[in-house]
PDB file of N, CA and C in Angstrom:
ATOM      1  N   UNK A   1      13.463 -20.424   8.236  1.00  0.00           N
ATOM      2  CA  UNK A   1      12.043 -19.955   8.274  1.00  0.00           C
ATOM      3  C   UNK A   1      12.510 -18.391   8.717  1.00  0.00           C
ATOM      4  N   UNK A   2      13.191 -18.217   9.770  1.00  0.00           N
ATOM      5  CA  UNK A   2      13.902 -17.044  10.242  1.00  0.00           C
ATOM      6  C   UNK A   2      14.119 -15.881   9.182  1.00  0.00           C
ATOM      7  N   UNK A   3      15.263 -16.660   8.487  1.00  0.00           N
ATOM      8  CA  UNK A   3      15.807 -15.963   7.236  1.00  0.00           C
ATOM      9  C   UNK A   3      14.575 -15.529   6.222  1.00  0.00           C
ATOM     10  N   UNK A   4      13.509 -16.177   6.260  1.00  0.00           N
ATOM     11  CA  UNK A   4      12.660 -15.990   4.906  1.00  0.00           C
ATOM     12  C   UNK A   4      11.770 -14.743   5.521  1.00  0.00           C
ATOM     13  N   UNK A   5      11.717 -14.761   6.869  1.00  0.00           N
ATOM     14  CA  UNK A   5      11.131 -13.580   7.693  1.00  0.00           C
ATOM     15  C   UNK A   5      11.790 -12.094   7.446  1.00  0.00           C
ATOM     16  N   UNK A   6      13.226 -12.549   7.801  1.00  0.00           N
ATOM     17  CA  UNK A   6      13.886 -11.120   7.517  1.00  0.00           C
ATOM     18  C   UNK A   6      14.009 -10.488   6.126  1.00  0.00           C
ATOM     19  N   UNK A   7      14.086 -11.611   5.335  1.00  0.00           N
ATOM     20  CA  UNK A   7      14.003 -11.355   3.813  1.00  0.00           C
ATOM     21  C   UNK A   7      12.839 -10.454   3.611  1.00  0.00           C
ATOM     22  N   UNK A   8      11.671 -10.935   3.721  1.00  0.00           N
ATOM     23  CA  UNK A   8      10.335 -10.601   3.425  1.00  0.00           C
ATOM     24  C   UNK A   8      10.404  -9.034   4.317  1.00  0.00           C
ATOM     25  N   UNK A   9      10.602  -8.940   5.037  1.00  0.00           N
ATOM     26  CA  UNK A   9      10.893  -7.239   5.918  1.00  0.00           C
ATOM     27  C   UNK A   9      11.495  -6.656   5.077  1.00  0.00           C
ATOM     28  N   UNK A  10      12.893  -7.055   4.423  1.00  0.00           N
ATOM     29  CA  UNK A  10      13.867  -6.348   3.948  1.00  0.00           C
ATOM     30  C   UNK A  10      12.949  -5.949   2.621  1.00  0.00           C
ATOM     31  N   UNK A  11      12.280  -6.605   1.907  1.00  0.00           N
ATOM     32  CA  UNK A  11      11.633  -6.512   0.646  1.00  0.00           C
ATOM     33  C   UNK A  11      10.436  -5.524   0.969  1.00  0.00           C
ATOM     34  N   UNK A  12      10.032  -5.372   1.828  1.00  0.00           N
ATOM     35  CA  UNK A  12       8.700  -4.515   2.195  1.00  0.00           C
ATOM     36  C   UNK A  12       9.699  -3.141   2.245  1.00  0.00           C
ATOM     37  N   UNK A  13      10.689  -3.377   3.397  1.00  0.00           N
ATOM     38  CA  UNK A  13      11.241  -1.604   3.368  1.00  0.00           C
ATOM     39  C   UNK A  13      11.798  -1.317   2.346  1.00  0.00           C
ATOM     40  N   UNK A  14      12.080  -2.030   1.075  1.00  0.00           N
ATOM     41  CA  UNK A  14      12.777  -1.487  -0.013  1.00  0.00           C
ATOM     42  C   UNK A  14      11.646  -1.328  -0.991  1.00  0.00           C
ATOM     43  N   UNK A  15      10.776  -1.371  -0.894  1.00  0.00           N
ATOM     44  CA  UNK A  15       9.501  -1.242  -1.686  1.00  0.00           C
ATOM     45  C   UNK A  15       9.135   0.400  -1.107  1.00  0.00           C
ATOM     46  N   UNK A  16       8.944   0.196  -0.105  1.00  0.00           N
ATOM     47  CA  UNK A  16       8.625   1.722   0.868  1.00  0.00           C
ATOM     48  C   UNK A  16       9.352   2.735   0.393  1.00  0.00           C
ATOM     49  N   UNK A  17      10.804   2.256   0.221  1.00  0.00           N
ATOM     50  CA  UNK A  17      11.820   3.243  -0.112  1.00  0.00           C
ATOM     51  C   UNK A  17      11.885   3.392  -1.780  1.00  0.00           C
ATOM     52  N   UNK A  18      11.598   2.757  -2.417  1.00  0.00           N
ATOM     53  CA  UNK A  18      11.355   2.744  -3.778  1.00  0.00           C
ATOM     54  C   UNK A  18       9.808   4.124  -3.878  1.00  0.00           C
ATOM     55  N   UNK A  19       8.707   3.573  -3.190  1.00  0.00           N
ATOM     56  CA  UNK A  19       7.708   4.371  -3.490  1.00  0.00           C
ATOM     57  C   UNK A  19       8.183   5.766  -3.080  1.00  0.00           C
ATOM     58  N   UNK A  20       9.161   6.122  -2.123  1.00  0.00           N
ATOM     59  CA  UNK A  20       9.535   7.477  -1.542  1.00  0.00           C
ATOM     60  C   UNK A  20      10.285   8.060  -2.849  1.00  0.00           C
ATOM     61  N   UNK A  21      11.119   7.069  -3.405  1.00  0.00           N
ATOM     62  CA  UNK A  21      11.898   7.548  -4.658  1.00  0.00           C
ATOM     63  C   UNK A  21      10.690   8.137  -5.943  1.00  0.00           C
ATOM     64  N   UNK A  22       9.812   7.347  -5.819  1.00  0.00           N
ATOM     65  CA  UNK A  22       8.742   7.324  -7.171  1.00  0.00           C
ATOM     66  C   UNK A  22       8.516   8.779  -6.877  1.00  0.00           C
ATOM     67  N   UNK A  23       8.015   9.378  -5.727  1.00  0.00           N
ATOM     68  CA  UNK A  23       7.446  10.432  -5.374  1.00  0.00           C
ATOM     69  C   UNK A  23       8.164  11.493  -5.620  1.00  0.00           C
ATOM     70  N   UNK A  24       9.694  11.338  -5.387  1.00  0.00           N
ATOM     71  CA  UNK A  24      10.752  12.386  -5.600  1.00  0.00           C
ATOM     72  C   UNK A  24      10.691  12.736  -6.822  1.00  0.00           C
ATOM     73  N   UNK A  25      10.999  11.671  -7.752  1.00  0.00           N
ATOM     74  CA  UNK A  25      11.180  11.748  -9.306  1.00  0.00           C
ATOM     75  C   UNK A  25       9.470  12.614  -9.815  1.00  0.00           C
ATOM     76  N   UNK A  26       8.652  12.499  -9.097  1.00  0.00           N
ATOM     77  CA  UNK A  26       7.505  13.104  -9.869  1.00  0.00           C
ATOM     78  C   UNK A  26       7.507  14.328  -9.086  1.00  0.00           C
ATOM     79  N   UNK A  27       7.879  14.738  -8.001  1.00  0.00           N
ATOM     80  CA  UNK A  27       7.665  16.240  -7.649  1.00  0.00           C
ATOM     81  C   UNK A  27       8.767  17.018  -8.374  1.00  0.00           C
ATOM     82  N   UNK A  28       9.944  16.386  -8.483  1.00  0.00           N
ATOM     83  CA  UNK A  28      11.016  17.314  -8.964  1.00  0.00           C
ATOM     84  C   UNK A  28      10.691  17.026 -10.565  1.00  0.00           C
ATOM     85  N   UNK A  29      10.007  16.675 -11.096  1.00  0.00           N
ATOM     86  CA  UNK A  29       9.400  16.392 -12.352  1.00  0.00           C
ATOM     87  C   UNK A  29      10.130  15.669 -13.534  1.00  0.00           C
ATOM     88  N   UNK A  30      10.993  14.723 -12.430  1.00  0.00           N
ATOM     89  CA  UNK A  30      11.619  13.520 -13.808  1.00  0.00           C
ATOM     90  C   UNK A  30      10.487  12.661 -14.386  1.00  0.00           C
ATOM     91  N   UNK A  31       9.492  12.615 -14.173  1.00  0.00           N
ATOM     92  CA  UNK A  31       8.355  11.864 -14.508  1.00  0.00           C
ATOM     93  C   UNK A  31       7.225  12.045 -14.476  1.00  0.00           C
ATOM     94  N   UNK A  32       6.320  11.934 -15.414  1.00  0.00           N
ATOM     95  CA  UNK A  32       4.721  12.573 -15.644  1.00  0.00           C
ATOM     96  C   UNK A  32       4.182  11.917 -14.068  1.00  0.00           C
ATOM     97  N   UNK A  33       2.934  12.767 -14.159  1.00  0.00           N
ATOM     98  CA  UNK A  33       1.923  12.043 -13.437  1.00  0.00           C
ATOM     99  C   UNK A  33       1.392  10.450 -13.443  1.00  0.00           C
ATOM    100  N   UNK A  34       1.216  10.314 -14.991  1.00  0.00           N
ATOM    101  CA  UNK A  34       0.697   8.885 -15.293  1.00  0.00           C
ATOM    102  C   UNK A  34       1.842   8.040 -15.119  1.00  0.00           C
ATOM    103  N   UNK A  35       3.075   8.461 -15.482  1.00  0.00           N
ATOM    104  CA  UNK A  35       4.335   7.066 -14.884  1.00  0.00           C
ATOM    105  C   UNK A  35       4.214   7.059 -13.402  1.00  0.00           C
ATOM    106  N   UNK A  36       4.345   8.068 -12.600  1.00  0.00           N
ATOM    107  CA  UNK A  36       4.263   8.322 -11.089  1.00  0.00           C
ATOM    108  C   UNK A  36       3.324   7.272 -10.777  1.00  0.00           C
ATOM    109  N   UNK A  37       1.780   7.483 -11.078  1.00  0.00           N
ATOM    110  CA  UNK A  37       0.835   6.509 -10.578  1.00  0.00           C
ATOM    111  C   UNK A  37       1.151   5.019 -10.938  1.00  0.00           C
ATOM    112  N   UNK A  38       1.392   4.636 -12.097  1.00  0.00           N
ATOM    113  CA  UNK A  38       1.477   3.563 -12.766  1.00  0.00           C
ATOM    114  C   UNK A  38       2.664   2.819 -11.978  1.00  0.00           C
ATOM    115  N   UNK A  39       3.969   3.545 -11.747  1.00  0.00           N
ATOM    116  CA  UNK A  39       4.912   2.998 -10.747  1.00  0.00           C
ATOM    117  C   UNK A  39       4.370   2.670  -9.192  1.00  0.00           C
ATOM    118  N   UNK A  40       3.561   3.868  -8.665  1.00  0.00           N
ATOM    119  CA  UNK A  40       3.328   3.589  -7.549  1.00  0.00           C
ATOM    120  C   UNK A  40       2.321   2.436  -7.275  1.00  0.00           C
ATOM    121  N   UNK A  41       1.089   2.456  -8.390  1.00  0.00           N
ATOM    122  CA  UNK A  41      -0.085   1.045  -8.481  1.00  0.00           C
ATOM    123  C   UNK A  41       1.091  -0.203  -8.187  1.00  0.00           C
ATOM    124  N   UNK A  42       2.150  -0.280  -9.097  1.00  0.00           N
ATOM    125  CA  UNK A  42       2.653  -1.740  -9.314  1.00  0.00           C
ATOM    126  C   UNK A  42       3.439  -2.247  -7.895  1.00  0.00           C
ATOM    127  N   UNK A  43       4.173  -0.794  -7.303  1.00  0.00           N
ATOM    128  CA  UNK A  43       4.675  -0.915  -6.132  1.00  0.00           C
ATOM    129  C   UNK A  43       3.677  -1.293  -5.107  1.00  0.00           C
ATOM    130  N   UNK A  44       2.413  -0.746  -4.773  1.00  0.00           N
ATOM    131  CA  UNK A  44       1.456  -0.917  -4.066  1.00  0.00           C
ATOM    132  C   UNK A  44       1.111  -2.502  -4.121  1.00  0.00           C
ATOM    133  N   UNK A  45       0.960  -2.891  -5.336  1.00  0.00           N
ATOM    134  CA  UNK A  45       0.798  -4.741  -5.504  1.00  0.00           C
ATOM    135  C   UNK A  45       1.812  -5.559  -5.106  1.00  0.00           C
ATOM    136  N   UNK A  46       2.907  -4.810  -5.117  1.00  0.00           N
ATOM    137  CA  UNK A  46       3.817  -5.735  -4.242  1.00  0.00           C
ATOM    138  C   UNK A  46       3.943  -5.552  -3.168  1.00  0.00           C
ATOM    139  N   UNK A  47       3.677  -4.461  -2.597  1.00  0.00           N
ATOM    140  CA  UNK A  47       3.656  -4.680  -0.917  1.00  0.00           C
ATOM    141  C   UNK A  47       2.464  -5.221  -0.406  1.00  0.00           C
ATOM    142  N   UNK A  48       1.396  -5.557  -1.268  1.00  0.00           N
ATOM    143  CA  UNK A  48       0.455  -6.153  -0.696  1.00  0.00           C
ATOM    144  C   UNK A  48       0.863  -8.004  -0.740  1.00  0.00           C
ATOM    145  N   UNK A  49       1.549  -8.284  -1.835  1.00  0.00           N
ATOM    146  CA  UNK A  49       1.905  -9.589  -2.178  1.00  0.00           C
ATOM    147  C   UNK A  49       2.939  -9.964  -0.773  1.00  0.00           C
ATOM    148  N   UNK A  50       3.886  -8.662  -0.307  1.00  0.00           N
ATOM    149  CA  UNK A  50       4.920  -9.284   0.333  1.00  0.00           C
ATOM    150  C   UNK A  50       4.451  -9.432   1.862  1.00  0.00           C
ATOM    151  N   UNK A  51       3.382  -8.324   2.161  1.00  0.00           N
ATOM    152  CA  UNK A  51       3.102  -8.322   3.275  1.00  0.00           C
ATOM    153  C   UNK A  51       2.024  -9.253   3.854  1.00  0.00           C
ATOM    154  N   UNK A  52       1.525 -10.323   2.709  1.00  0.00           N
ATOM    155  CA  UNK A  52       0.542 -11.642   2.925  1.00  0.00           C
ATOM    156  C   UNK A  52       1.650 -12.491   2.865  1.00  0.00           C
ATOM    157  N   UNK A  53       2.814 -12.198   2.465  1.00  0.00           N
ATOM    158  CA  UNK A  53       4.100 -13.576   2.660  1.00  0.00           C
ATOM    159  C   UNK A  53       4.276 -13.400   3.759  1.00  0.00           C
ATOM    160  N   UNK A  54       4.419 -11.873   4.364  1.00  0.00           N
ATOM    161  CA  UNK A  54       5.353 -12.177   5.618  1.00  0.00           C
ATOM    162  C   UNK A  54       4.080 -12.351   6.712  1.00  0.00           C
ATOM    163  N   UNK A  55       3.207 -12.090   6.569  1.00  0.00           N
ATOM    164  CA  UNK A  55       1.929 -12.788   7.830  1.00  0.00           C
ATOM    165  C   UNK A  55       1.924 -14.156   7.668  1.00  0.00           C
ATOM    166  N   UNK A  56       1.965 -14.867   6.376  1.00  0.00           N
ATOM    167  CA  UNK A  56       2.161 -16.107   6.229  1.00  0.00           C
ATOM    168  C   UNK A  56       3.313 -16.807   7.110  1.00  0.00           C
ATOM    169  N   UNK A  57       4.285 -16.140   6.916  1.00  0.00           N
ATOM    170  CA  UNK A  57       5.866 -16.575   7.576  1.00  0.00           C
ATOM    171  C   UNK A  57       5.327 -16.384   9.500  1.00  0.00           C
ATOM    172  N   UNK A  58       4.840 -15.439   9.660  1.00  0.00           N
ATOM    173  CA  UNK A  58       4.605 -15.219  10.859  1.00  0.00           C
ATOM    174  C   UNK A  58       3.538 -16.209  11.691  1.00  0.00           C
ATOM    175  N   UNK A  59       2.742 -16.449  10.684  1.00  0.00           N
ATOM    176  CA  UNK A  59       1.921 -17.612  11.240  1.00  0.00           C
ATOM    177  C   UNK A  59       2.440 -18.811  11.715  1.00  0.00           C
ATOM    178  N   UNK A  60       3.311 -19.180  10.640  1.00  0.00           N
ATOM    179  CA  UNK A  60       4.088 -20.328  10.644  1.00  0.00           C
ATOM    180  C   UNK A  60       5.206 -20.394  11.916  1.00  0.00           C
ATOM    181  N   UNK A  61       5.743 -19.263  12.134  1.00  0.00           N
ATOM    182  CA  UNK A  61       6.587 -19.180  13.235  1.00  0.00           C
ATOM    183  C   UNK A  61       5.658 -19.099  14.609  1.00  0.00           C
ATOM    184  N   UNK A  62       4.562 -19.054  14.824  1.00  0.00           N
ATOM    185  CA  UNK A  62       3.908 -18.657  15.962  1.00  0.00           C
ATOM    186  C   UNK A  62       3.640 -17.267  16.020  1.00  0.00           C
ATOM    187  N   UNK A  63       4.126 -16.357  15.499  1.00  0.00           N
ATOM    188  CA  UNK A  63       3.864 -15.100  15.774  1.00  0.00           C
ATOM    189  C   UNK A  63       2.791 -14.479  15.579  1.00  0.00           C
ATOM    190  N   UNK A  64       2.204 -13.299  16.489  1.00  0.00           N
ATOM    191  CA  UNK A  64       1.015 -12.783  16.402  1.00  0.00           C
ATOM    192  C   UNK A  64       1.552 -11.285  14.877  1.00  0.00           C
ATOM    193  N   UNK A  65       0.492 -11.062  13.860  1.00  0.00           N
ATOM    194  CA  UNK A  65       0.831 -10.243  13.275  1.00  0.00           C
ATOM    195  C   UNK A  65      -0.264  -8.939  13.492  1.00  0.00           C
ATOM    196  N   UNK A  66       0.291  -7.965  13.797  1.00  0.00           N
ATOM    197  CA  UNK A  66      -0.757  -6.637  14.173  1.00  0.00           C
ATOM    198  C   UNK A  66      -1.086  -6.124  12.432  1.00  0.00           C
ATOM    199  N   UNK A  67      -2.441  -6.542  12.283  1.00  0.00           N
ATOM    200  CA  UNK A  67      -3.217  -6.180  11.022  1.00  0.00           C
ATOM    201  C   UNK A  67      -3.349  -4.634  10.834  1.00  0.00           C
ATOM    202  N   UNK A  68      -3.415  -4.137  12.003  1.00  0.00           N
ATOM    203  CA  UNK A  68      -3.598  -2.455  12.234  1.00  0.00           C
ATOM    204  C   UNK A  68      -2.141  -2.004  11.298  1.00  0.00           C
ATOM    205  N   UNK A  69      -1.379  -2.333  11.317  1.00  0.00           N
ATOM    206  CA  UNK A  69      -0.137  -1.781  10.792  1.00  0.00           C
ATOM    207  C   UNK A  69      -0.140  -1.656   9.367  1.00  0.00           C
ATOM    208  N   UNK A  70      -0.661  -2.616   8.754  1.00  0.00           N
ATOM    209  CA  UNK A  70      -0.912  -2.890   7.241  1.00  0.00           C
ATOM    210  C   UNK A  70      -1.953  -1.922   6.990  1.00  0.00           C
ATOM    211  N   UNK A  71      -2.843  -2.107   7.491  1.00  0.00           N
ATOM    212  CA  UNK A  71      -4.347  -0.800   7.319  1.00  0.00           C
ATOM    213  C   UNK A  71      -3.763   0.238   7.408  1.00  0.00           C
ATOM    214  N   UNK A  72      -3.307   0.950   8.291  1.00  0.00           N
ATOM    215  CA  UNK A  72      -2.897   1.995   8.622  1.00  0.00           C
ATOM    216  C   UNK A  72      -1.857   2.673   6.996  1.00  0.00           C
ATOM    217  N   UNK A  73      -1.009   1.867   6.685  1.00  0.00           N
ATOM    218  CA  UNK A  73      -0.634   2.284   5.491  1.00  0.00           C
ATOM    219  C   UNK A  73      -1.619   2.396   4.107  1.00  0.00           C
ATOM    220  N   UNK A  74      -2.497   1.685   4.232  1.00  0.00           N
ATOM    221  CA  UNK A  74      -3.298   1.430   2.969  1.00  0.00           C
ATOM    222  C   UNK A  74      -4.354   2.627   3.295  1.00  0.00           C
ATOM    223  N   UNK A  75      -4.685   3.010   4.409  1.00  0.00           N
ATOM    224  CA  UNK A  75      -5.707   4.211   4.814  1.00  0.00           C
ATOM    225  C   UNK A  75      -5.013   5.175   4.397  1.00  0.00           C
ATOM    226  N   UNK A  76      -3.729   5.292   4.864  1.00  0.00           N
ATOM    227  CA  UNK A  76      -2.857   6.658   4.457  1.00  0.00           C
ATOM    228  C   UNK A  76      -3.043   6.947   2.830  1.00  0.00           C
ATOM    229  N   UNK A  77      -2.882   5.957   2.317  1.00  0.00           N
ATOM    230  CA  UNK A  77      -2.882   5.686   0.755  1.00  0.00           C
ATOM    231  C   UNK A  77      -3.881   6.391   0.206  1.00  0.00           C
ATOM    232  N   UNK A  78      -5.205   5.977   0.708  1.00  0.00           N
ATOM    233  CA  UNK A  78      -6.296   6.350   0.280  1.00  0.00           C
ATOM    234  C   UNK A  78      -6.682   7.831   0.752  1.00  0.00           C
ATOM    235  N   UNK A  79      -6.183   8.547   1.787  1.00  0.00           N
ATOM    236  CA  UNK A  79      -6.548   9.543   2.077  1.00  0.00           C
ATOM    237  C   UNK A  79      -5.373  10.322   1.169  1.00  0.00           C
ATOM    238  N   UNK A  80      -4.265  10.248   0.758  1.00  0.00           N
ATOM    239  CA  UNK A  80      -3.652  10.988  -0.070  1.00  0.00           C
ATOM    240  C   UNK A  80      -4.508  11.100  -1.612  1.00  0.00           C
ATOM    241  N   UNK A  81      -4.895   9.803  -2.003  1.00  0.00           N
ATOM    242  CA  UNK A  81      -5.714   9.884  -3.377  1.00  0.00           C
ATOM    243  C   UNK A  81      -6.769  10.456  -3.507  1.00  0.00           C
ATOM    244  N   UNK A  82      -7.763  10.823  -2.279  1.00  0.00           N
ATOM    245  CA  UNK A  82      -8.722  11.080  -1.979  1.00  0.00           C
ATOM    246  C   UNK A  82      -8.768  12.690  -2.206  1.00  0.00           C
ATOM    247  N   UNK A  83      -7.688  13.180  -1.281  1.00  0.00           N
ATOM    248  CA  UNK A  83      -7.187  14.655  -1.299  1.00  0.00           C
ATOM    249  C   UNK A  83      -6.781  15.226  -2.577  1.00  0.00           C
ATOM    250  N   UNK A  84      -6.237  14.463  -3.320  1.00  0.00           N
ATOM    251  CA  UNK A  84      -5.654  14.818  -4.548  1.00  0.00           C
ATOM    252  C   UNK A  84      -6.921  14.618  -5.795  1.00  0.00           C
ATOM    253  N   UNK A  85      -8.080  14.348  -5.396  1.00  0.00           N
ATOM    254  CA  UNK A  85      -9.482  14.195  -6.219  1.00  0.00           C
ATOM    255  C   UNK A  85      -9.736  13.046  -6.958  1.00  0.00           C
ATOM    256  N   UNK A  86      -8.922  11.969  -6.608  1.00  0.00           N
ATOM    257  CA  UNK A  86      -9.299  10.755  -7.073  1.00  0.00           C
ATOM    258  C   UNK A  86     -10.614  10.436  -6.729  1.00  0.00           C
ATOM    259  N   UNK A  87     -11.200   9.248  -7.930  1.00  0.00           N
ATOM    260  CA  UNK A  87     -12.780   9.131  -8.011  1.00  0.00           C
ATOM    261  C   UNK A  87     -12.547   7.935  -7.010  1.00  0.00           C
ATOM    262  N   UNK A  88     -13.444   8.132  -5.646  1.00  0.00           N
ATOM    263  CA  UNK A  88     -13.672   7.235  -4.676  1.00  0.00           C
ATOM    264  C   UNK A  88     -14.033   5.336  -5.460  1.00  0.00           C
ATOM    265  N   UNK A  89     -14.640   5.363  -6.590  1.00  0.00           N
ATOM    266  CA  UNK A  89     -15.106   4.209  -6.899  1.00  0.00           C
ATOM    267  C   UNK A  89     -13.831   3.401  -7.883  1.00  0.00           C
ATOM    268  N   UNK A  90     -12.926   4.481  -8.483  1.00  0.00           N
ATOM    269  CA  UNK A  90     -11.890   3.617  -9.361  1.00  0.00           C
ATOM    270  C   UNK A  90     -10.893   3.150  -7.936  1.00  0.00           C
ATOM    271  N   UNK A  91     -10.599   3.813  -6.935  1.00  0.00           N
ATOM    272  CA  UNK A  91      -9.800   3.595  -5.670  1.00  0.00           C
ATOM    273  C   UNK A  91     -10.496   2.009  -5.065  1.00  0.00           C
ATOM    274  N   UNK A  92     -12.035   2.031  -5.093  1.00  0.00           N
ATOM    275  CA  UNK A  92     -12.713   0.646  -4.630  1.00  0.00           C
ATOM    276  C   UNK A  92     -12.324  -0.499  -5.670  1.00  0.00           C
ATOM    277  N   UNK A  93     -12.489   0.063  -6.842  1.00  0.00           N
ATOM    278  CA  UNK A  93     -12.155  -1.064  -7.803  1.00  0.00           C
ATOM    279  C   UNK A  93     -10.679  -1.485  -7.596  1.00  0.00           C
ATOM    280  N   UNK A  94      -9.780  -0.635  -7.508  1.00  0.00           N
ATOM    281  CA  UNK A  94      -8.304  -1.174  -7.471  1.00  0.00           C
ATOM    282  C   UNK A  94      -8.331  -1.968  -6.257  1.00  0.00           C
ATOM    283  N   UNK A  95      -8.453  -1.693  -5.086  1.00  0.00           N
ATOM    284  CA  UNK A  95      -8.317  -1.919  -3.789  1.00  0.00           C
ATOM    285  C   UNK A  95      -8.905  -3.648  -4.044  1.00  0.00           C
ATOM    286  N   UNK A  96     -10.342  -3.847  -4.336  1.00  0.00           N
ATOM    287  CA  UNK A  96     -10.956  -4.756  -4.850  1.00  0.00           C
ATOM    288  C   UNK A  96      -9.866  -5.666  -5.682  1.00  0.00           C
ATOM    289  N   UNK A  97      -9.458  -5.292  -6.787  1.00  0.00           N
ATOM    290  CA  UNK A  97      -8.524  -5.993  -7.495  1.00  0.00           C
ATOM    291  C   UNK A  97      -7.424  -6.643  -6.755  1.00  0.00           C
ATOM    292  N   UNK A  98      -7.274  -6.057  -5.827  1.00  0.00           N
ATOM    293  CA  UNK A  98      -5.745  -6.481  -5.187  1.00  0.00           C
ATOM    294  C   UNK A  98      -6.500  -7.378  -4.108  1.00  0.00           C
ATOM    295  N   UNK A  99      -7.796  -7.671  -3.871  1.00  0.00           N
ATOM    296  CA  UNK A  99      -8.170  -8.673  -2.923  1.00  0.00           C
ATOM    297  C   UNK A  99      -8.213  -7.968  -1.566  1.00  0.00           C
ATOM    298  N   UNK A 100      -8.504  -6.567  -1.486  1.00  0.00           N
ATOM    299  CA  UNK A 100      -8.283  -5.617  -0.277  1.00  0.00           C
ATOM    300  C   UNK A 100      -9.758  -5.521   0.123  1.00  0.00           C
ATOM    301  N   UNK A 101     -10.202  -4.755   1.109  1.00  0.00           N
ATOM    302  CA  UNK A 101     -11.320  -4.623   1.531  1.00  0.00           C
ATOM    303  C   UNK A 101     -11.791  -2.904   0.682  1.00  0.00           C
ATOM    304  N   UNK A 102     -12.588  -2.943  -0.027  1.00  0.00           N
ATOM    305  CA  UNK A 102     -12.933  -1.524  -0.796  1.00  0.00           C
ATOM    306  C   UNK A 102     -13.492  -0.806   0.301  1.00  0.00           C
ATOM    307  N   UNK A 103     -14.315  -1.456   1.542  1.00  0.00           N
ATOM    308  CA  UNK A 103     -15.101  -0.432   2.558  1.00  0.00           C
ATOM    309  C   UNK A 103     -13.938   0.381   2.882  1.00  0.00           C
ATOM    310  N   UNK A 104     -12.904   0.363   3.005  1.00  0.00           N
ATOM    311  CA  UNK A 104     -11.876   1.104   3.564  1.00  0.00           C
ATOM    312  C   UNK A 104     -11.835   2.820   2.900  1.00  0.00           C
ATOM    313  N   UNK A 105     -12.641   2.681   1.545  1.00  0.00           N
ATOM    314  CA  UNK A 105     -12.264   4.137   0.936  1.00  0.00           C
ATOM    315  C   UNK A 105     -13.688   4.695   1.618  1.00  0.00           C
ATOM    316  N   UNK A 106     -14.781   3.754   1.952  1.00  0.00           N
ATOM    317  CA  UNK A 106     -16.095   4.581   2.576  1.00  0.00           C
ATOM    318  C   UNK A 106     -15.778   4.952   3.926  1.00  0.00           C
ATOM    319  N   UNK A 107     -14.838   4.116   4.651  1.00  0.00           N
ATOM    320  CA  UNK A 107     -14.355   4.588   5.895  1.00  0.00           C
ATOM    321  C   UNK A 107     -13.822   5.964   6.203  1.00  0.00           C
ATOM    322  N   UNK A 108     -12.721   6.280   5.449  1.00  0.00           N
ATOM    323  CA  UNK A 108     -11.947   7.253   4.772  1.00  0.00           C
ATOM    324  C   UNK A 108     -12.664   8.376   4.633  1.00  0.00           C
ATOM    325  N   UNK A 109     -13.777   8.139   4.000  1.00  0.00           N
ATOM    326  CA  UNK A 109     -14.322   9.285   3.304  1.00  0.00           C
ATOM    327  C   UNK A 109     -15.760   9.938   4.062  1.00  0.00           C
ATOM    328  N   UNK A 110     -15.755   8.892   5.421  1.00  0.00           N
ATOM    329  CA  UNK A 110     -16.888   9.733   6.384  1.00  0.00           C
ATOM    330  C   UNK A 110     -15.913  10.383   7.348  1.00  0.00           C
ATOM    331  N   UNK A 111     -14.604   9.974   7.448  1.00  0.00           N
ATOM    332  CA  UNK A 111     -13.551  10.868   8.498  1.00  0.00           C
ATOM    333  C   UNK A 111     -13.554  12.275   7.635  1.00  0.00           C
ATOM    334  N   UNK A 112     -13.505  12.249   6.356  1.00  0.00           N
ATOM    335  CA  UNK A 112     -13.211  13.379   5.863  1.00  0.00           C
ATOM    336  C   UNK A 112     -14.574  14.539   5.804  1.00  0.00           C
ATOM    337  N   UNK A 113     -15.551  13.943   5.895  1.00  0.00           N
ATOM    338  CA  UNK A 113     -16.952  14.609   5.885  1.00  0.00           C
ATOM    339  C   UNK A 113     -17.264  15.244   7.251  1.00  0.00           C
ATOM    340  N   UNK A 114     -16.475  14.651   8.413  1.00  0.00           N
ATOM    341  CA  UNK A 114     -16.587  15.091   9.902  1.00  0.00           C
ATOM    342  C   UNK A 114     -16.016  16.344  10.105  1.00  0.00           C
TER     343      UNK A 114
END
């Protein structure tokens, strides 16, 4: 079980590094914005799945999972998208499709208004 825990953590870290690599490719104009968005979205879906796996393993091991740490990354991602001019309704639909709380978009937007 501990091996599964370590594997899940490694997968999550590799996905975070992949996301950084995708953004680097976009900023250096190796890939288009459309392609970067598609890859980032796919990466985010995998991250959500792996975090769920990690949470389940942690429960089986009797460990506490800090829910805020997962939300922080999601909130950061939503913030980036809103600053880039992404439609909030599209973000809500995307989060909902991933089984995540779309209300996070509204919460982030309220912070922007202050």
